[in-house]
Amino acid sequence: MSEKQKALFVTAPQPTLKRVADLEGPDFYPTPAWATRALIENETFEGDVWECACGNGAMSDQFKEYGYEVHSSDLYDRGYGEKDCDFLNSNKTASNIVTNPPFHSAEEFVHKGLELAQNKLALLLRLAFLEGGKRQANIFNVYPPTRVWVFSERITFYPAGSVRKGSGTTAYAWFVWDKNHLGKSELKWLPTGYKKRFG
């Protein structure tokens, strides 16, 4: 890690840090348990779940607690799941693919996820992912998400092993593509309280 990156970690976590960490690989920002539980309790998944950027298993473990059969993999070895698994060059399929993709590869994860998911693709993305002419042309006009679950409570992503303090400033949402119901998007808000109960 460079001196510049170390200096960044002194401040409160910011979305740009996630971008730097993911590009270098070893550092990552696990998804808080409550953010995954909010999805599971409001969106139904039938069949197995593939968490294809599993990190330390933070998201996979939540799905397992709810009784799902979960396959976990990551491009990097973070001590959990199958390592050296390059999702963007995979031909493996699953009933459902659910993950918090690396920021810099979000659009690629949408396209690949739609190719490999048999039922549903659910990605945790910035709400601002809805913006952009390129995304409109290449994603939303072609494969609009079935549901966008907006978080009213802000998610704070902390570097693994760091002291948790401060609050996130970026709005996030679960983008869900149901391959049996593509063509019309529904905007919904997740119930509040998950952060307090499971945070």
N, C-alpha and C. Protein backbone atom coordinates (compact mmCIF):
# COMPACT_ATOMS: atom_id res chain seq x y z
N MET A 1 0.85 -1.19 0.00
CA MET A 1 0.00 0.00 0.00
C MET A 1 0.89 1.24 0.00
N SER A 2 0.57 2.20 -0.85
CA SER A 2 1.38 3.41 -0.94
C SER A 2 1.15 4.33 0.26
N GLU A 3 2.05 5.29 0.46
CA GLU A 3 1.89 6.25 1.56
C GLU A 3 0.63 7.08 1.36
N LYS A 4 0.32 7.38 0.11
CA LYS A 4 -0.89 8.16 -0.18
C LYS A 4 -2.14 7.38 0.23
N GLN A 5 -2.18 6.09 -0.06
CA GLN A 5 -3.32 5.27 0.33
C GLN A 5 -3.42 5.14 1.84
N LYS A 6 -2.28 4.98 2.53
CA LYS A 6 -2.31 4.91 3.99
C LYS A 6 -2.88 6.18 4.59
N ALA A 7 -2.53 7.32 4.00
CA ALA A 7 -3.04 8.60 4.50
C ALA A 7 -4.54 8.67 4.32
N LEU A 8 -5.03 8.12 3.23
CA LEU A 8 -6.47 8.15 3.00
C LEU A 8 -7.24 7.39 4.06
N PHE A 9 -6.65 6.30 4.59
CA PHE A 9 -7.35 5.49 5.57
C PHE A 9 -7.54 6.21 6.90
N VAL A 10 -6.81 7.31 7.12
CA VAL A 10 -6.95 8.06 8.36
C VAL A 10 -8.30 8.76 8.40
N THR A 11 -8.82 9.12 7.25
CA THR A 11 -10.10 9.83 7.19
C THR A 11 -11.25 8.84 7.20
N ALA A 12 -12.46 9.38 7.30
CA ALA A 12 -13.65 8.53 7.25
C ALA A 12 -13.73 7.84 5.90
N PRO A 13 -14.27 6.62 5.85
CA PRO A 13 -14.32 5.88 4.59
C PRO A 13 -15.10 6.63 3.53
N GLN A 14 -14.56 6.67 2.33
CA GLN A 14 -15.21 7.33 1.21
C GLN A 14 -15.30 6.35 0.05
N PRO A 15 -16.27 6.52 -0.85
CA PRO A 15 -16.40 5.61 -1.98
C PRO A 15 -15.15 5.51 -2.82
N THR A 16 -14.38 6.61 -2.95
CA THR A 16 -13.19 6.55 -3.79
C THR A 16 -12.16 5.58 -3.23
N LEU A 17 -12.13 5.39 -1.93
CA LEU A 17 -11.21 4.44 -1.34
C LEU A 17 -11.51 3.04 -1.82
N LYS A 18 -12.78 2.74 -1.94
CA LYS A 18 -13.17 1.41 -2.40
C LYS A 18 -12.62 1.17 -3.79
N ARG A 19 -12.66 2.19 -4.62
CA ARG A 19 -12.17 2.06 -5.99
C ARG A 19 -10.67 1.74 -5.98
N VAL A 20 -9.90 2.46 -5.16
CA VAL A 20 -8.46 2.23 -5.08
C VAL A 20 -8.16 0.83 -4.56
N ALA A 21 -8.87 0.44 -3.49
CA ALA A 21 -8.61 -0.86 -2.87
C ALA A 21 -8.90 -2.00 -3.84
N ASP A 22 -10.01 -1.93 -4.54
CA ASP A 22 -10.37 -3.02 -5.43
C ASP A 22 -9.42 -3.15 -6.60
N LEU A 23 -8.90 -2.06 -7.07
CA LEU A 23 -7.97 -2.12 -8.19
C LEU A 23 -6.68 -2.82 -7.79
N GLU A 24 -6.25 -2.67 -6.54
CA GLU A 24 -5.02 -3.30 -6.11
C GLU A 24 -5.25 -4.71 -5.60
N GLY A 25 -6.46 -5.01 -5.18
CA GLY A 25 -6.78 -6.38 -4.84
C GLY A 25 -6.75 -6.77 -3.38
N PRO A 26 -5.66 -6.60 -2.65
CA PRO A 26 -5.57 -7.16 -1.32
C PRO A 26 -6.55 -6.53 -0.31
N ASP A 27 -6.86 -5.28 -0.48
CA ASP A 27 -7.74 -4.60 0.47
C ASP A 27 -9.17 -4.62 -0.07
N PHE A 28 -10.12 -4.68 0.87
CA PHE A 28 -11.51 -4.71 0.43
C PHE A 28 -12.41 -4.21 1.56
N TYR A 29 -13.64 -3.94 1.20
CA TYR A 29 -14.60 -3.36 2.14
C TYR A 29 -15.79 -4.31 2.24
N PRO A 30 -15.83 -5.16 3.26
CA PRO A 30 -16.93 -6.11 3.40
C PRO A 30 -18.29 -5.42 3.49
N THR A 31 -19.30 -6.08 2.96
CA THR A 31 -20.66 -5.54 3.02
C THR A 31 -21.24 -5.77 4.40
N PRO A 32 -21.76 -4.72 5.06
CA PRO A 32 -22.35 -4.91 6.38
C PRO A 32 -23.49 -5.92 6.34
N ALA A 33 -23.59 -6.72 7.38
CA ALA A 33 -24.60 -7.79 7.44
C ALA A 33 -26.01 -7.25 7.22
N TRP A 34 -26.29 -6.09 7.79
CA TRP A 34 -27.66 -5.57 7.71
C TRP A 34 -28.06 -5.23 6.28
N ALA A 35 -27.11 -4.82 5.46
CA ALA A 35 -27.43 -4.47 4.08
C ALA A 35 -27.83 -5.70 3.28
N THR A 36 -27.19 -6.84 3.58
CA THR A 36 -27.55 -8.09 2.91
C THR A 36 -28.88 -8.61 3.41
N ARG A 37 -29.08 -8.55 4.71
CA ARG A 37 -30.35 -9.02 5.29
C ARG A 37 -31.54 -8.22 4.74
N ALA A 38 -31.34 -6.95 4.51
CA ALA A 38 -32.42 -6.13 3.96
C ALA A 38 -32.86 -6.66 2.60
N LEU A 39 -31.90 -7.09 1.79
CA LEU A 39 -32.24 -7.68 0.49
C LEU A 39 -32.97 -9.01 0.67
N ILE A 40 -32.40 -9.90 1.48
CA ILE A 40 -32.95 -11.24 1.64
C ILE A 40 -34.38 -11.21 2.15
N GLU A 41 -34.68 -10.28 3.05
CA GLU A 41 -36.02 -10.24 3.64
C GLU A 41 -37.05 -9.53 2.76
N ASN A 42 -36.60 -8.94 1.66
CA ASN A 42 -37.55 -8.21 0.81
C ASN A 42 -37.58 -8.70 -0.63
N GLU A 43 -36.64 -9.54 -0.99
CA GLU A 43 -36.57 -10.09 -2.36
C GLU A 43 -36.45 -11.60 -2.26
N THR A 44 -37.31 -12.32 -2.95
CA THR A 44 -37.31 -13.78 -2.90
C THR A 44 -36.37 -14.36 -3.95
N PHE A 45 -35.58 -15.34 -3.54
CA PHE A 45 -34.68 -16.04 -4.45
C PHE A 45 -35.00 -17.52 -4.44
N GLU A 46 -35.17 -18.09 -5.60
CA GLU A 46 -35.42 -19.52 -5.72
C GLU A 46 -34.18 -20.19 -6.30
N GLY A 47 -33.71 -21.23 -5.61
CA GLY A 47 -32.53 -21.93 -6.07
C GLY A 47 -31.28 -21.45 -5.37
N ASP A 48 -30.13 -21.87 -5.90
CA ASP A 48 -28.86 -21.56 -5.26
C ASP A 48 -28.44 -20.12 -5.52
N VAL A 49 -27.47 -19.67 -4.75
CA VAL A 49 -26.95 -18.31 -4.85
C VAL A 49 -25.44 -18.37 -5.05
N TRP A 50 -24.96 -17.62 -6.02
CA TRP A 50 -23.51 -17.52 -6.24
C TRP A 50 -23.08 -16.11 -5.85
N GLU A 51 -22.22 -16.03 -4.84
CA GLU A 51 -21.61 -14.76 -4.45
C GLU A 51 -20.23 -14.75 -5.11
N CYS A 52 -20.11 -14.01 -6.20
CA CYS A 52 -18.94 -14.13 -7.08
C CYS A 52 -17.83 -13.13 -6.78
N ALA A 53 -18.00 -12.30 -5.76
CA ALA A 53 -16.94 -11.41 -5.28
C ALA A 53 -17.02 -11.44 -3.75
N CYS A 54 -16.82 -12.65 -3.20
CA CYS A 54 -17.24 -12.93 -1.83
C CYS A 54 -16.37 -12.32 -0.74
N GLY A 55 -15.14 -11.89 -1.07
CA GLY A 55 -14.29 -11.31 -0.02
C GLY A 55 -14.11 -12.28 1.13
N ASN A 56 -14.45 -11.85 2.34
CA ASN A 56 -14.31 -12.70 3.52
C ASN A 56 -15.58 -13.45 3.86
N GLY A 57 -16.55 -13.46 2.94
CA GLY A 57 -17.78 -14.22 3.14
C GLY A 57 -18.88 -13.48 3.87
N ALA A 58 -18.73 -12.17 4.05
CA ALA A 58 -19.72 -11.41 4.81
C ALA A 58 -21.13 -11.56 4.24
N MET A 59 -21.26 -11.50 2.93
CA MET A 59 -22.57 -11.63 2.30
C MET A 59 -23.00 -13.10 2.21
N SER A 60 -22.07 -13.97 1.87
CA SER A 60 -22.38 -15.40 1.76
C SER A 60 -22.93 -15.95 3.07
N ASP A 61 -22.32 -15.56 4.18
CA ASP A 61 -22.75 -16.07 5.48
C ASP A 61 -24.18 -15.67 5.80
N GLN A 62 -24.58 -14.49 5.38
CA GLN A 62 -25.96 -14.06 5.62
C GLN A 62 -26.94 -14.93 4.85
N PHE A 63 -26.64 -15.20 3.61
CA PHE A 63 -27.53 -16.06 2.81
C PHE A 63 -27.59 -17.46 3.40
N LYS A 64 -26.47 -17.96 3.90
CA LYS A 64 -26.46 -19.29 4.51
C LYS A 64 -27.34 -19.32 5.76
N GLU A 65 -27.33 -18.24 6.52
CA GLU A 65 -28.16 -18.18 7.72
C GLU A 65 -29.64 -18.30 7.38
N TYR A 66 -30.01 -17.87 6.18
CA TYR A 66 -31.40 -17.94 5.75
C TYR A 66 -31.69 -19.25 5.00
N GLY A 67 -30.73 -20.15 5.00
CA GLY A 67 -30.97 -21.48 4.46
C GLY A 67 -30.68 -21.66 2.99
N TYR A 68 -30.04 -20.71 2.35
CA TYR A 68 -29.73 -20.83 0.94
C TYR A 68 -28.48 -21.67 0.71
N GLU A 69 -28.46 -22.39 -0.41
CA GLU A 69 -27.25 -23.05 -0.86
C GLU A 69 -26.40 -22.00 -1.55
N VAL A 70 -25.20 -21.76 -1.03
CA VAL A 70 -24.39 -20.64 -1.50
C VAL A 70 -23.05 -21.13 -2.06
N HIS A 71 -22.70 -20.64 -3.23
CA HIS A 71 -21.38 -20.86 -3.82
C HIS A 71 -20.63 -19.53 -3.72
N SER A 72 -19.42 -19.57 -3.19
CA SER A 72 -18.66 -18.35 -2.97
C SER A 72 -17.34 -18.40 -3.71
N SER A 73 -16.99 -17.29 -4.36
CA SER A 73 -15.72 -17.22 -5.09
C SER A 73 -15.23 -15.79 -5.12
N ASP A 74 -13.95 -15.63 -5.44
CA ASP A 74 -13.36 -14.30 -5.53
C ASP A 74 -12.13 -14.38 -6.42
N LEU A 75 -11.82 -13.29 -7.04
CA LEU A 75 -10.62 -13.23 -7.86
C LEU A 75 -9.37 -13.32 -6.99
N TYR A 76 -9.46 -12.83 -5.74
CA TYR A 76 -8.33 -12.81 -4.82
C TYR A 76 -8.54 -13.79 -3.68
N ASP A 77 -7.46 -14.18 -3.05
CA ASP A 77 -7.53 -15.09 -1.90
C ASP A 77 -7.74 -14.27 -0.64
N ARG A 78 -8.96 -14.27 -0.16
CA ARG A 78 -9.27 -13.53 1.07
C ARG A 78 -9.71 -14.46 2.18
N GLY A 79 -9.34 -15.73 2.02
CA GLY A 79 -9.60 -16.69 3.09
C GLY A 79 -10.99 -17.27 3.10
N TYR A 80 -11.72 -17.11 2.01
CA TYR A 80 -13.10 -17.61 2.00
C TYR A 80 -13.46 -17.98 0.56
N GLY A 81 -14.09 -19.11 0.39
CA GLY A 81 -14.59 -19.50 -0.92
C GLY A 81 -13.48 -19.88 -1.89
N GLU A 82 -13.88 -20.04 -3.14
CA GLU A 82 -12.95 -20.40 -4.20
C GLU A 82 -12.14 -19.19 -4.62
N LYS A 83 -10.84 -19.32 -4.65
CA LYS A 83 -9.98 -18.20 -5.02
C LYS A 83 -9.60 -18.29 -6.50
N ASP A 84 -9.03 -17.22 -7.01
CA ASP A 84 -8.58 -17.14 -8.41
C ASP A 84 -9.72 -17.38 -9.40
N CYS A 85 -10.92 -17.03 -9.01
CA CYS A 85 -12.08 -17.20 -9.88
C CYS A 85 -12.43 -15.85 -10.52
N ASP A 86 -12.15 -15.73 -11.79
CA ASP A 86 -12.39 -14.49 -12.52
C ASP A 86 -13.81 -14.50 -13.07
N PHE A 87 -14.71 -13.87 -12.36
CA PHE A 87 -16.12 -13.88 -12.73
C PHE A 87 -16.35 -13.38 -14.15
N LEU A 88 -15.65 -12.34 -14.53
CA LEU A 88 -15.88 -11.72 -15.83
C LEU A 88 -15.45 -12.61 -17.00
N ASN A 89 -14.70 -13.66 -16.71
CA ASN A 89 -14.29 -14.60 -17.75
C ASN A 89 -14.78 -16.02 -17.47
N SER A 90 -15.82 -16.10 -16.64
CA SER A 90 -16.35 -17.40 -16.25
C SER A 90 -17.49 -17.83 -17.18
N ASN A 91 -17.73 -19.12 -17.24
CA ASN A 91 -18.89 -19.64 -17.95
C ASN A 91 -19.79 -20.44 -17.02
N LYS A 92 -19.53 -20.32 -15.71
CA LYS A 92 -20.33 -21.00 -14.70
C LYS A 92 -21.69 -20.31 -14.56
N THR A 93 -22.72 -21.09 -14.36
CA THR A 93 -24.06 -20.51 -14.18
C THR A 93 -24.57 -20.82 -12.77
N ALA A 94 -25.59 -20.09 -12.35
CA ALA A 94 -26.23 -20.31 -11.06
C ALA A 94 -27.66 -19.79 -11.15
N SER A 95 -28.49 -20.29 -10.27
CA SER A 95 -29.88 -19.80 -10.27
C SER A 95 -29.91 -18.30 -10.02
N ASN A 96 -29.12 -17.87 -9.04
CA ASN A 96 -29.08 -16.45 -8.68
C ASN A 96 -27.63 -16.02 -8.46
N ILE A 97 -27.31 -14.84 -8.90
CA ILE A 97 -26.01 -14.25 -8.64
C ILE A 97 -26.23 -12.97 -7.84
N VAL A 98 -25.59 -12.90 -6.68
CA VAL A 98 -25.77 -11.76 -5.77
C VAL A 98 -24.40 -11.32 -5.28
N THR A 99 -24.08 -10.04 -5.44
CA THR A 99 -22.77 -9.57 -4.98
C THR A 99 -22.72 -8.06 -4.88
N ASN A 100 -21.66 -7.59 -4.23
CA ASN A 100 -21.31 -6.18 -4.21
C ASN A 100 -20.09 -6.07 -5.11
N PRO A 101 -20.27 -5.72 -6.38
CA PRO A 101 -19.15 -5.79 -7.34
C PRO A 101 -18.13 -4.69 -7.11
N PRO A 102 -16.89 -4.93 -7.57
CA PRO A 102 -15.89 -3.86 -7.52
C PRO A 102 -16.41 -2.64 -8.27
N PHE A 103 -16.19 -1.47 -7.70
CA PHE A 103 -16.75 -0.23 -8.28
C PHE A 103 -16.37 -0.06 -9.74
N HIS A 104 -15.11 -0.33 -10.05
CA HIS A 104 -14.62 -0.06 -11.40
C HIS A 104 -15.13 -1.06 -12.43
N SER A 105 -15.77 -2.15 -11.97
CA SER A 105 -16.23 -3.19 -12.89
C SER A 105 -17.74 -3.38 -12.85
N ALA A 106 -18.46 -2.45 -12.28
CA ALA A 106 -19.90 -2.64 -12.07
C ALA A 106 -20.65 -2.92 -13.37
N GLU A 107 -20.37 -2.16 -14.41
CA GLU A 107 -21.10 -2.36 -15.67
C GLU A 107 -20.80 -3.73 -16.26
N GLU A 108 -19.54 -4.16 -16.17
CA GLU A 108 -19.18 -5.47 -16.68
C GLU A 108 -19.87 -6.57 -15.88
N PHE A 109 -20.03 -6.37 -14.57
CA PHE A 109 -20.71 -7.36 -13.74
C PHE A 109 -22.19 -7.46 -14.12
N VAL A 110 -22.80 -6.36 -14.50
CA VAL A 110 -24.19 -6.41 -14.95
C VAL A 110 -24.31 -7.29 -16.18
N HIS A 111 -23.50 -7.03 -17.18
CA HIS A 111 -23.58 -7.79 -18.43
C HIS A 111 -23.27 -9.26 -18.22
N LYS A 112 -22.20 -9.55 -17.48
CA LYS A 112 -21.83 -10.94 -17.25
C LYS A 112 -22.84 -11.64 -16.36
N GLY A 113 -23.34 -10.93 -15.35
CA GLY A 113 -24.33 -11.51 -14.46
C GLY A 113 -25.61 -11.88 -15.18
N LEU A 114 -26.04 -11.03 -16.10
CA LEU A 114 -27.24 -11.33 -16.88
C LEU A 114 -27.02 -12.53 -17.79
N GLU A 115 -25.81 -12.72 -18.20
CA GLU A 115 -25.48 -13.88 -19.04
C GLU A 115 -25.51 -15.18 -18.24
N LEU A 116 -25.01 -15.14 -17.00
CA LEU A 116 -24.81 -16.36 -16.23
C LEU A 116 -25.92 -16.69 -15.23
N ALA A 117 -26.68 -15.70 -14.78
CA ALA A 117 -27.75 -15.95 -13.82
C ALA A 117 -28.97 -16.54 -14.53
N GLN A 118 -29.50 -17.60 -13.97
CA GLN A 118 -30.66 -18.23 -14.57
C GLN A 118 -31.97 -17.56 -14.13
N ASN A 119 -32.02 -17.10 -12.90
CA ASN A 119 -33.24 -16.48 -12.38
C ASN A 119 -33.06 -14.99 -12.09
N LYS A 120 -32.21 -14.69 -11.10
CA LYS A 120 -32.06 -13.30 -10.70
C LYS A 120 -30.60 -12.90 -10.56
N LEU A 121 -30.36 -11.64 -10.86
CA LEU A 121 -29.08 -10.99 -10.62
C LEU A 121 -29.35 -9.83 -9.69
N ALA A 122 -28.63 -9.77 -8.56
CA ALA A 122 -28.80 -8.67 -7.61
C ALA A 122 -27.43 -8.08 -7.30
N LEU A 123 -27.27 -6.80 -7.58
CA LEU A 123 -26.00 -6.12 -7.35
C LEU A 123 -26.20 -4.93 -6.43
N LEU A 124 -25.32 -4.80 -5.45
CA LEU A 124 -25.33 -3.65 -4.56
C LEU A 124 -24.50 -2.56 -5.22
N LEU A 125 -25.16 -1.48 -5.63
CA LEU A 125 -24.50 -0.42 -6.39
C LEU A 125 -24.86 0.94 -5.83
N ARG A 126 -24.06 1.92 -6.17
CA ARG A 126 -24.42 3.29 -5.83
C ARG A 126 -25.73 3.63 -6.54
N LEU A 127 -26.55 4.41 -5.87
CA LEU A 127 -27.80 4.85 -6.49
C LEU A 127 -27.52 5.65 -7.75
N ALA A 128 -26.38 6.34 -7.77
CA ALA A 128 -25.99 7.13 -8.94
C ALA A 128 -25.68 6.28 -10.16
N PHE A 129 -25.66 4.95 -9.98
CA PHE A 129 -25.46 4.06 -11.13
C PHE A 129 -26.58 4.25 -12.16
N LEU A 130 -27.71 4.79 -11.70
CA LEU A 130 -28.83 5.05 -12.60
C LEU A 130 -28.51 6.15 -13.61
N GLU A 131 -27.49 6.95 -13.32
CA GLU A 131 -27.15 8.06 -14.20
C GLU A 131 -26.23 7.60 -15.33
N GLY A 132 -26.13 8.44 -16.34
CA GLY A 132 -25.15 8.22 -17.40
C GLY A 132 -25.75 7.78 -18.71
N GLY A 133 -25.41 8.48 -19.77
CA GLY A 133 -25.92 8.16 -21.09
C GLY A 133 -25.46 6.81 -21.59
N LYS A 134 -24.21 6.45 -21.28
CA LYS A 134 -23.69 5.16 -21.72
C LYS A 134 -24.45 4.01 -21.07
N ARG A 135 -24.69 4.12 -19.76
CA ARG A 135 -25.43 3.07 -19.07
C ARG A 135 -26.87 3.00 -19.57
N GLN A 136 -27.45 4.15 -19.85
CA GLN A 136 -28.82 4.15 -20.37
C GLN A 136 -28.88 3.39 -21.68
N ALA A 137 -27.91 3.66 -22.56
CA ALA A 137 -27.92 3.03 -23.88
C ALA A 137 -27.57 1.55 -23.82
N ASN A 138 -26.56 1.21 -22.99
CA ASN A 138 -26.03 -0.16 -23.01
C ASN A 138 -26.66 -1.10 -21.99
N ILE A 139 -27.30 -0.53 -20.96
CA ILE A 139 -27.90 -1.38 -19.93
C ILE A 139 -29.40 -1.12 -19.79
N PHE A 140 -29.76 0.08 -19.39
CA PHE A 140 -31.15 0.32 -18.98
C PHE A 140 -32.14 0.30 -20.14
N ASN A 141 -31.74 0.71 -21.31
CA ASN A 141 -32.65 0.64 -22.45
C ASN A 141 -32.78 -0.79 -22.98
N VAL A 142 -31.80 -1.62 -22.67
CA VAL A 142 -31.80 -3.00 -23.17
C VAL A 142 -32.30 -3.97 -22.10
N TYR A 143 -31.73 -3.87 -20.91
CA TYR A 143 -32.11 -4.74 -19.79
C TYR A 143 -32.39 -3.90 -18.55
N PRO A 144 -33.51 -3.22 -18.48
CA PRO A 144 -33.80 -2.42 -17.28
C PRO A 144 -33.97 -3.33 -16.07
N PRO A 145 -33.48 -2.90 -14.91
CA PRO A 145 -33.65 -3.74 -13.71
C PRO A 145 -35.13 -3.90 -13.38
N THR A 146 -35.48 -5.06 -12.87
CA THR A 146 -36.86 -5.32 -12.48
C THR A 146 -37.25 -4.49 -11.27
N ARG A 147 -36.33 -4.44 -10.29
CA ARG A 147 -36.56 -3.64 -9.09
C ARG A 147 -35.27 -2.95 -8.67
N VAL A 148 -35.41 -1.74 -8.18
CA VAL A 148 -34.31 -1.03 -7.54
C VAL A 148 -34.74 -0.76 -6.11
N TRP A 149 -34.07 -1.42 -5.17
CA TRP A 149 -34.38 -1.29 -3.75
C TRP A 149 -33.48 -0.22 -3.15
N VAL A 150 -34.04 0.92 -2.84
CA VAL A 150 -33.25 2.06 -2.34
C VAL A 150 -33.11 1.98 -0.82
N PHE A 151 -31.88 2.21 -0.35
CA PHE A 151 -31.64 2.30 1.09
C PHE A 151 -31.92 3.72 1.55
N SER A 152 -32.80 3.87 2.53
CA SER A 152 -32.98 5.17 3.17
C SER A 152 -31.91 5.40 4.23
N GLU A 153 -31.40 4.29 4.78
CA GLU A 153 -30.30 4.34 5.74
C GLU A 153 -28.98 4.22 4.99
N ARG A 154 -28.04 5.07 5.30
CA ARG A 154 -26.77 5.07 4.59
C ARG A 154 -25.89 3.90 5.02
N ILE A 155 -25.27 3.26 4.04
CA ILE A 155 -24.32 2.19 4.30
C ILE A 155 -22.92 2.80 4.42
N THR A 156 -22.20 2.37 5.45
CA THR A 156 -20.81 2.78 5.59
C THR A 156 -19.94 1.56 5.36
N PHE A 157 -19.05 1.63 4.39
CA PHE A 157 -18.13 0.55 4.09
C PHE A 157 -16.79 0.84 4.76
N TYR A 158 -16.38 -0.07 5.63
CA TYR A 158 -15.11 0.09 6.34
C TYR A 158 -14.07 -0.87 5.77
N PRO A 159 -12.81 -0.44 5.70
CA PRO A 159 -11.76 -1.39 5.33
C PRO A 159 -11.75 -2.54 6.32
N ALA A 160 -11.46 -3.74 5.84
CA ALA A 160 -11.45 -4.91 6.72
C ALA A 160 -10.49 -4.69 7.89
N GLY A 161 -10.99 -4.92 9.11
CA GLY A 161 -10.16 -4.81 10.30
C GLY A 161 -10.04 -3.41 10.87
N SER A 162 -10.69 -2.42 10.27
CA SER A 162 -10.56 -1.05 10.76
C SER A 162 -11.54 -0.76 11.88
N VAL A 163 -11.29 0.33 12.60
CA VAL A 163 -12.21 0.79 13.64
C VAL A 163 -13.42 1.42 12.96
N ARG A 164 -14.60 1.03 13.40
CA ARG A 164 -15.82 1.53 12.77
C ARG A 164 -16.26 2.83 13.42
N LYS A 165 -16.16 3.91 12.68
CA LYS A 165 -16.62 5.20 13.16
C LYS A 165 -16.94 6.06 11.95
N GLY A 166 -17.76 7.07 12.16
CA GLY A 166 -18.18 7.91 11.05
C GLY A 166 -19.37 7.31 10.33
N SER A 167 -19.82 8.00 9.32
CA SER A 167 -21.00 7.55 8.57
C SER A 167 -20.79 7.78 7.09
N GLY A 168 -21.34 6.89 6.29
CA GLY A 168 -21.21 7.01 4.85
C GLY A 168 -21.99 8.20 4.31
N THR A 169 -21.55 8.69 3.17
CA THR A 169 -22.22 9.85 2.55
C THR A 169 -22.79 9.52 1.19
N THR A 170 -22.69 8.27 0.78
CA THR A 170 -23.13 7.87 -0.55
C THR A 170 -24.39 7.02 -0.46
N ALA A 171 -25.35 7.29 -1.33
CA ALA A 171 -26.59 6.51 -1.36
C ALA A 171 -26.39 5.24 -2.17
N TYR A 172 -26.92 4.13 -1.66
CA TYR A 172 -26.80 2.84 -2.33
C TYR A 172 -28.17 2.22 -2.54
N ALA A 173 -28.20 1.23 -3.43
CA ALA A 173 -29.44 0.50 -3.69
C ALA A 173 -29.09 -0.89 -4.18
N TRP A 174 -30.00 -1.81 -3.98
CA TRP A 174 -29.90 -3.13 -4.59
C TRP A 174 -30.59 -3.07 -5.94
N PHE A 175 -29.86 -3.38 -6.99
CA PHE A 175 -30.41 -3.45 -8.34
C PHE A 175 -30.68 -4.93 -8.64
N VAL A 176 -31.94 -5.26 -8.91
CA VAL A 176 -32.32 -6.64 -9.12
C VAL A 176 -32.89 -6.83 -10.51
N TRP A 177 -32.30 -7.76 -11.24
CA TRP A 177 -32.82 -8.15 -12.54
C TRP A 177 -33.45 -9.53 -12.40
N ASP A 178 -34.75 -9.64 -12.59
CA ASP A 178 -35.46 -10.92 -12.59
C ASP A 178 -35.63 -11.32 -14.05
N LYS A 179 -34.94 -12.36 -14.48
CA LYS A 179 -34.92 -12.70 -15.89
C LYS A 179 -36.27 -13.21 -16.40
N ASN A 180 -37.17 -13.49 -15.48
CA ASN A 180 -38.53 -13.87 -15.86
C ASN A 180 -39.46 -12.66 -15.96
N HIS A 181 -38.98 -11.50 -15.55
CA HIS A 181 -39.81 -10.30 -15.56
C HIS A 181 -38.99 -9.08 -15.99
N LEU A 182 -38.26 -9.20 -17.07
CA LEU A 182 -37.52 -8.06 -17.59
C LEU A 182 -38.44 -7.18 -18.42
N GLY A 183 -38.10 -5.90 -18.49
CA GLY A 183 -38.86 -5.01 -19.37
C GLY A 183 -39.54 -3.85 -18.68
N LYS A 184 -39.74 -3.94 -17.37
CA LYS A 184 -40.38 -2.85 -16.64
C LYS A 184 -39.70 -2.72 -15.28
N SER A 185 -39.33 -1.49 -14.93
CA SER A 185 -38.62 -1.27 -13.67
C SER A 185 -39.56 -0.76 -12.59
N GLU A 186 -39.29 -1.22 -11.37
CA GLU A 186 -40.05 -0.80 -10.20
C GLU A 186 -39.08 -0.21 -9.18
N LEU A 187 -39.35 0.99 -8.73
CA LEU A 187 -38.53 1.65 -7.72
C LEU A 187 -39.18 1.47 -6.36
N LYS A 188 -38.42 0.88 -5.42
CA LYS A 188 -38.98 0.60 -4.10
C LYS A 188 -37.97 1.04 -3.03
N TRP A 189 -38.48 1.29 -1.84
CA TRP A 189 -37.62 1.69 -0.72
C TRP A 189 -37.60 0.58 0.32
N LEU A 190 -36.39 0.22 0.75
CA LEU A 190 -36.26 -0.79 1.79
C LEU A 190 -36.74 -0.24 3.12
N PRO A 191 -37.39 -1.06 3.93
CA PRO A 191 -37.82 -0.61 5.26
C PRO A 191 -36.62 -0.18 6.09
N THR A 192 -36.80 0.79 6.93
CA THR A 192 -35.72 1.22 7.82
C THR A 192 -35.67 0.30 9.04
N GLY A 193 -34.58 0.39 9.77
CA GLY A 193 -34.44 -0.40 10.99
C GLY A 193 -33.41 -1.51 10.91
N TYR A 194 -33.03 -1.90 9.70
CA TYR A 194 -32.06 -2.99 9.56
C TYR A 194 -30.70 -2.62 10.14
N LYS A 195 -30.30 -1.40 9.95
CA LYS A 195 -28.99 -0.95 10.44
C LYS A 195 -28.95 -1.04 11.97
N LYS A 196 -30.02 -0.66 12.62
CA LYS A 196 -30.08 -0.70 14.08
C LYS A 196 -30.13 -2.14 14.59
N ARG A 197 -30.88 -2.98 13.88
CA ARG A 197 -31.05 -4.38 14.33
C ARG A 197 -29.82 -5.23 14.09
N PHE A 198 -29.17 -5.03 12.93
CA PHE A 198 -28.09 -5.94 12.55
C PHE A 198 -26.76 -5.26 12.33
N GLY A 199 -26.72 -3.92 12.45
CA GLY A 199 -25.48 -3.19 12.16
C GLY A 199 -24.40 -3.43 13.15
